[in-house]
């Protein structure tokens, strides 16, 4: 969502969570939303089962980070021009990343 991301045609709250849905809807109607991306509830279920995410998901995360780096003219991990992310947990079901802090740890090691 936001930045140069393609608008989502429709999003399901059970899949992207309430915060993810809100950001996608705001972006779609033209609100200036900072660029970002959502890890879906099914991915949370995969992580809880396997204690990891598939390689193709990590590749997708890297692609989204690169897109956002270009949109924001910043670099993730840079000391001089850092790109900062806010990681939120809050899927609309019991299958959410169980802790936002854990989500931050997962994201920063990718």
Protein backbone atom coordinates (compact mmCIF):
# COMPACT_ATOMS: atom_id res chain seq x y z
CA UNK A 1 0.00 0.00 0.00
CA UNK A 2 1.02 3.60 -0.47
CA UNK A 3 3.88 4.95 -2.54
CA UNK A 4 4.36 3.17 -5.85
CA UNK A 5 2.42 0.06 -4.79
CA UNK A 6 -0.40 -1.11 -7.03
CA UNK A 7 -3.78 -0.47 -5.38
CA UNK A 8 -5.46 -3.55 -3.95
CA UNK A 9 -8.81 -4.29 -5.58
CA UNK A 10 -10.36 -5.76 -2.47
CA UNK A 11 -8.95 -6.78 0.86
CA UNK A 12 -10.42 -9.15 3.41
CA UNK A 13 -10.09 -8.14 7.06
CA UNK A 14 -9.67 -11.80 8.03
CA UNK A 15 -6.67 -12.02 5.69
CA UNK A 16 -4.90 -8.66 6.14
CA UNK A 17 -6.17 -7.67 9.61
CA UNK A 18 -7.88 -4.47 10.64
CA UNK A 19 -4.82 -2.23 10.46
CA UNK A 20 -3.76 -3.63 7.09
CA UNK A 21 -7.27 -3.20 5.71
CA UNK A 22 -7.49 0.37 6.99
CA UNK A 23 -4.19 1.34 5.39
CA UNK A 24 -5.15 -0.26 2.08
CA UNK A 25 -8.55 1.44 2.02
CA UNK A 26 -7.07 4.85 2.88
CA UNK A 27 -4.43 4.43 0.17
CA UNK A 28 -7.06 3.41 -2.39
CA UNK A 29 -9.22 6.50 -1.75
CA UNK A 30 -6.25 8.84 -2.08
CA UNK A 31 -5.14 9.46 1.49
CA UNK A 32 -1.38 10.03 1.58
CA UNK A 33 -0.36 6.80 3.31
CA UNK A 34 3.35 6.05 3.76
CA UNK A 35 4.37 3.03 1.69
CA UNK A 36 4.27 -0.36 3.35
CA UNK A 37 3.14 -3.94 3.00
CA UNK A 38 1.16 -6.51 4.96
CA UNK A 39 2.05 -10.05 5.94
CA UNK A 40 -1.26 -11.91 5.81
CA UNK A 41 -2.96 -13.98 8.49
CA UNK A 42 -2.27 -17.24 6.58
CA UNK A 43 1.45 -16.36 6.69
CA UNK A 44 1.16 -15.95 10.44
CA UNK A 45 -0.31 -19.45 10.60
CA UNK A 46 2.61 -20.80 8.54
CA UNK A 47 5.08 -19.07 10.85
CA UNK A 48 3.40 -20.42 13.98
CA UNK A 49 3.48 -23.93 12.52
CA UNK A 50 7.01 -23.88 11.05
CA UNK A 51 8.76 -21.19 13.12
CA UNK A 52 9.84 -19.63 9.81
CA UNK A 53 8.44 -18.36 6.54
CA UNK A 54 9.05 -19.89 3.11
CA UNK A 55 11.96 -18.52 1.07
CA UNK A 56 9.59 -17.02 -1.51
CA UNK A 57 7.93 -14.97 1.23
CA UNK A 58 11.29 -13.63 2.41
CA UNK A 59 12.10 -12.81 -1.23
CA UNK A 60 8.80 -10.91 -1.46
CA UNK A 61 9.62 -9.01 1.73
CA UNK A 62 12.97 -8.01 0.26
CA UNK A 63 11.27 -6.83 -2.95
CA UNK A 64 8.81 -4.72 -0.95
CA UNK A 65 11.62 -3.24 1.13
CA UNK A 66 13.50 -2.32 -2.07
CA UNK A 67 10.34 -0.68 -3.49
CA UNK A 68 9.87 1.33 -0.32
CA UNK A 69 13.55 2.32 -0.27
CA UNK A 70 13.09 3.81 -3.75
CA UNK A 71 9.79 5.50 -2.80
CA UNK A 72 11.29 7.08 0.33
CA UNK A 73 14.82 7.67 -1.00
CA UNK A 74 16.19 5.94 2.11
CA UNK A 75 18.03 2.69 2.78
CA UNK A 76 17.02 0.01 5.27
CA UNK A 77 19.98 -0.59 7.58
CA UNK A 78 21.76 2.66 6.64
CA UNK A 79 23.35 4.72 9.39
CA UNK A 80 23.31 7.91 7.31
CA UNK A 81 19.86 7.76 5.69
CA UNK A 82 17.89 5.04 7.52
CA UNK A 83 14.56 3.68 6.39
CA UNK A 84 12.50 2.89 9.48
CA UNK A 85 9.52 0.54 9.62
CA UNK A 86 6.68 0.19 12.05
CA UNK A 87 5.74 -3.45 12.51
CA UNK A 88 2.26 -4.04 13.84
CA UNK A 89 0.50 -7.22 14.80
CA UNK A 90 -3.24 -7.35 14.85
CA UNK A 91 -4.90 -9.75 12.45
CA UNK A 92 -8.63 -10.06 12.91
CA UNK A 93 -8.32 -13.62 14.16
CA UNK A 94 -6.38 -15.63 16.70
CA UNK A 95 -3.76 -16.32 14.00
CA UNK A 96 -1.78 -13.12 14.27
CA UNK A 97 1.91 -12.77 14.95
CA UNK A 98 1.65 -13.25 18.68
CA UNK A 99 3.77 -10.26 19.55
CA UNK A 100 4.62 -7.08 17.67
CA UNK A 101 8.11 -7.10 19.17
CA UNK A 102 8.66 -10.59 17.78
CA UNK A 103 7.52 -9.32 14.38
CA UNK A 104 10.12 -6.55 14.60
CA UNK A 105 12.83 -9.08 15.41
CA UNK A 106 11.79 -11.26 12.48
CA UNK A 107 11.79 -8.30 10.11
CA UNK A 108 15.11 -6.87 11.14
CA UNK A 109 16.96 -10.14 10.59
CA UNK A 110 15.76 -10.68 7.03
